[in-house]
Amino acid sequence: MANITKTERKKRETKKSILSVLEENGKDTKPNLYMVDQYMKLYGDLELINVKLAEKFSVTLSQERRQILKSMINISEHLGFAPEKRNDTGNGVPEL
């Protein structure tokens, strides 16, 4: 059996954790499982871009990274992992 890298182990743990939460919440439907697969693909793409950016900065890669992060956030919101929105203005005073 081949040794897996720390990065691959982290990726597997992340997917396992997401699937576990979906199962607990009864949201482990086929469309949601497909979304998890898409999220994990983006996760892998993001890791690759981060490695390339660490080697040498590129505006194009930075923009692509931003798009990937946006897509990952959209998927996580769709799956119900978004933080609850606060109804305040950010200065400690709730918005009326």
C-alpha atoms as a PDB file:
ATOM      1  CA  MET A   1       0.000   0.000   0.000  1.00  0.00           C
ATOM      2  CA  ALA A   2       1.445   3.355  -1.023  1.00  0.00           C
ATOM      3  CA  ASN A   3       1.848   6.112   1.518  1.00  0.00           C
ATOM      4  CA  ILE A   4      -0.500   9.017   1.026  1.00  0.00           C
ATOM      5  CA  THR A   5       0.714  12.566   1.315  1.00  0.00           C
ATOM      6  CA  LYS A   6      -0.325  14.933   4.082  1.00  0.00           C
ATOM      7  CA  THR A   7      -2.219  16.984   1.500  1.00  0.00           C
ATOM      8  CA  GLU A   8      -4.148  13.959   0.230  1.00  0.00           C
ATOM      9  CA  ARG A   9      -4.950  12.885   3.786  1.00  0.00           C
ATOM     10  CA  LYS A  10      -6.303  16.365   4.560  1.00  0.00           C
ATOM     11  CA  LYS A  11      -8.398  16.295   1.376  1.00  0.00           C
ATOM     12  CA  ARG A  12      -9.894  12.906   2.293  1.00  0.00           C
ATOM     13  CA  GLU A  13     -10.649  14.047   5.839  1.00  0.00           C
ATOM     14  CA  THR A  14     -12.370  17.165   4.511  1.00  0.00           C
ATOM     15  CA  LYS A  15     -14.595  15.150   2.181  1.00  0.00           C
ATOM     16  CA  LYS A  16     -15.376  12.633   4.914  1.00  0.00           C
ATOM     17  CA  SER A  17     -16.327  15.448   7.284  1.00  0.00           C
ATOM     18  CA  ILE A  18     -18.602  17.116   4.727  1.00  0.00           C
ATOM     19  CA  LEU A  19     -20.339  13.833   3.922  1.00  0.00           C
ATOM     20  CA  SER A  20     -20.774  13.082   7.623  1.00  0.00           C
ATOM     21  CA  VAL A  21     -22.493  16.416   8.284  1.00  0.00           C
ATOM     22  CA  LEU A  22     -24.738  15.992   5.254  1.00  0.00           C
ATOM     23  CA  GLU A  23     -25.744  12.533   6.445  1.00  0.00           C
ATOM     24  CA  GLU A  24     -26.451  13.803   9.965  1.00  0.00           C
ATOM     25  CA  ASN A  25     -28.657  16.561   8.556  1.00  0.00           C
ATOM     26  CA  GLY A  26     -30.458  14.232   6.160  1.00  0.00           C
ATOM     27  CA  LYS A  27     -29.131  16.136   3.161  1.00  0.00           C
ATOM     28  CA  ASP A  28     -27.121  13.316   1.609  1.00  0.00           C
ATOM     29  CA  THR A  29     -29.156  13.340  -1.594  1.00  0.00           C
ATOM     30  CA  LYS A  30     -27.719  12.522  -4.990  1.00  0.00           C
ATOM     31  CA  PRO A  31     -27.588  16.184  -6.137  1.00  0.00           C
ATOM     32  CA  ASN A  32     -25.819  17.200  -2.929  1.00  0.00           C
ATOM     33  CA  LEU A  33     -23.312  14.370  -3.263  1.00  0.00           C
ATOM     34  CA  TYR A  34     -22.588  15.597  -6.783  1.00  0.00           C
ATOM     35  CA  MET A  35     -22.019  19.088  -5.350  1.00  0.00           C
ATOM     36  CA  VAL A  36     -19.556  17.615  -2.829  1.00  0.00           C
ATOM     37  CA  ASP A  37     -17.641  16.001  -5.699  1.00  0.00           C
ATOM     38  CA  GLN A  38     -17.521  19.363  -7.485  1.00  0.00           C
ATOM     39  CA  TYR A  39     -16.362  21.057  -4.278  1.00  0.00           C
ATOM     40  CA  MET A  40     -13.556  18.538  -3.852  1.00  0.00           C
ATOM     41  CA  LYS A  41     -12.457  19.037  -7.464  1.00  0.00           C
ATOM     42  CA  LEU A  42     -12.233  22.766  -6.809  1.00  0.00           C
ATOM     43  CA  TYR A  43     -10.396  21.990  -3.574  1.00  0.00           C
ATOM     44  CA  GLY A  44      -7.736  20.122  -5.537  1.00  0.00           C
ATOM     45  CA  ASP A  45      -7.509  22.892  -8.136  1.00  0.00           C
ATOM     46  CA  LEU A  46      -7.096  25.447  -5.353  1.00  0.00           C
ATOM     47  CA  GLU A  47      -4.248  23.470  -3.793  1.00  0.00           C
ATOM     48  CA  LEU A  48      -2.456  23.362  -7.149  1.00  0.00           C
ATOM     49  CA  ILE A  49      -2.889  27.098  -7.708  1.00  0.00           C
ATOM     50  CA  ASN A  50      -1.654  27.857  -4.189  1.00  0.00           C
ATOM     51  CA  VAL A  51       1.522  25.855  -4.852  1.00  0.00           C
ATOM     52  CA  LYS A  52       2.108  27.702  -8.124  1.00  0.00           C
ATOM     53  CA  LEU A  53       1.464  31.072  -6.486  1.00  0.00           C
ATOM     54  CA  ALA A  54       3.936  30.236  -3.727  1.00  0.00           C
ATOM     55  CA  GLU A  55       6.567  29.623  -6.388  1.00  0.00           C
ATOM     56  CA  LYS A  56       5.851  32.758  -8.399  1.00  0.00           C
ATOM     57  CA  PHE A  57       3.054  35.333  -8.245  1.00  0.00           C
ATOM     58  CA  SER A  58       0.776  35.612 -11.249  1.00  0.00           C
ATOM     59  CA  VAL A  59      -2.179  37.962 -11.638  1.00  0.00           C
ATOM     60  CA  THR A  60      -3.971  35.409 -13.794  1.00  0.00           C
ATOM     61  CA  LEU A  61      -3.552  32.654 -11.194  1.00  0.00           C
ATOM     62  CA  SER A  62      -4.626  35.032  -8.461  1.00  0.00           C
ATOM     63  CA  GLN A  63      -7.825  35.842 -10.364  1.00  0.00           C
ATOM     64  CA  GLU A  64      -8.469  32.163 -11.000  1.00  0.00           C
ATOM     65  CA  ARG A  65      -7.923  31.457  -7.307  1.00  0.00           C
ATOM     66  CA  ARG A  66     -10.503  34.109  -6.432  1.00  0.00           C
ATOM     67  CA  GLN A  67     -13.032  32.537  -8.823  1.00  0.00           C
ATOM     68  CA  ILE A  68     -12.443  29.077  -7.370  1.00  0.00           C
ATOM     69  CA  LEU A  69     -12.914  30.372  -3.829  1.00  0.00           C
ATOM     70  CA  LYS A  70     -16.147  32.085  -4.877  1.00  0.00           C
ATOM     71  CA  SER A  71     -17.430  28.841  -6.411  1.00  0.00           C
ATOM     72  CA  MET A  72     -16.473  26.890  -3.288  1.00  0.00           C
ATOM     73  CA  ILE A  73     -18.338  29.381  -1.098  1.00  0.00           C
ATOM     74  CA  ASN A  74     -21.423  29.105  -3.327  1.00  0.00           C
ATOM     75  CA  ILE A  75     -21.363  25.316  -3.083  1.00  0.00           C
ATOM     76  CA  SER A  76     -20.913  25.378   0.690  1.00  0.00           C
ATOM     77  CA  GLU A  77     -23.845  27.803   1.010  1.00  0.00           C
ATOM     78  CA  HIS A  78     -25.959  25.523  -1.183  1.00  0.00           C
ATOM     79  CA  LEU A  79     -25.103  22.585   1.064  1.00  0.00           C
ATOM     80  CA  GLY A  80     -26.119  24.580   4.144  1.00  0.00           C
ATOM     81  CA  PHE A  81     -22.678  25.338   5.549  1.00  0.00           C
ATOM     82  CA  ALA A  82     -22.984  29.121   5.343  1.00  0.00           C
ATOM     83  CA  PRO A  83     -22.703  31.046   8.588  1.00  0.00           C
ATOM     84  CA  GLU A  84     -25.880  32.667   9.808  1.00  0.00           C
ATOM     85  CA  LYS A  85     -26.211  36.214   8.565  1.00  0.00           C
ATOM     86  CA  ARG A  86     -26.160  38.931  11.167  1.00  0.00           C
ATOM     87  CA  ASN A  87     -28.525  41.885  11.031  1.00  0.00           C
ATOM     88  CA  ASP A  88     -26.135  44.556  12.147  1.00  0.00           C
ATOM     89  CA  THR A  89     -24.197  47.308  10.492  1.00  0.00           C
ATOM     90  CA  GLY A  90     -20.821  46.072  11.724  1.00  0.00           C
ATOM     91  CA  ASN A  91     -20.440  48.823  14.285  1.00  0.00           C
ATOM     92  CA  GLY A  92     -22.161  47.002  17.139  1.00  0.00           C
ATOM     93  CA  VAL A  93     -25.548  48.628  16.521  1.00  0.00           C
ATOM     94  CA  PRO A  94     -28.219  46.277  15.128  1.00  0.00           C
ATOM     95  CA  GLU A  95     -29.924  47.431  11.977  1.00  0.00           C
ATOM     96  CA  LEU A  96     -33.614  48.202  12.451  1.00  0.00           C
END
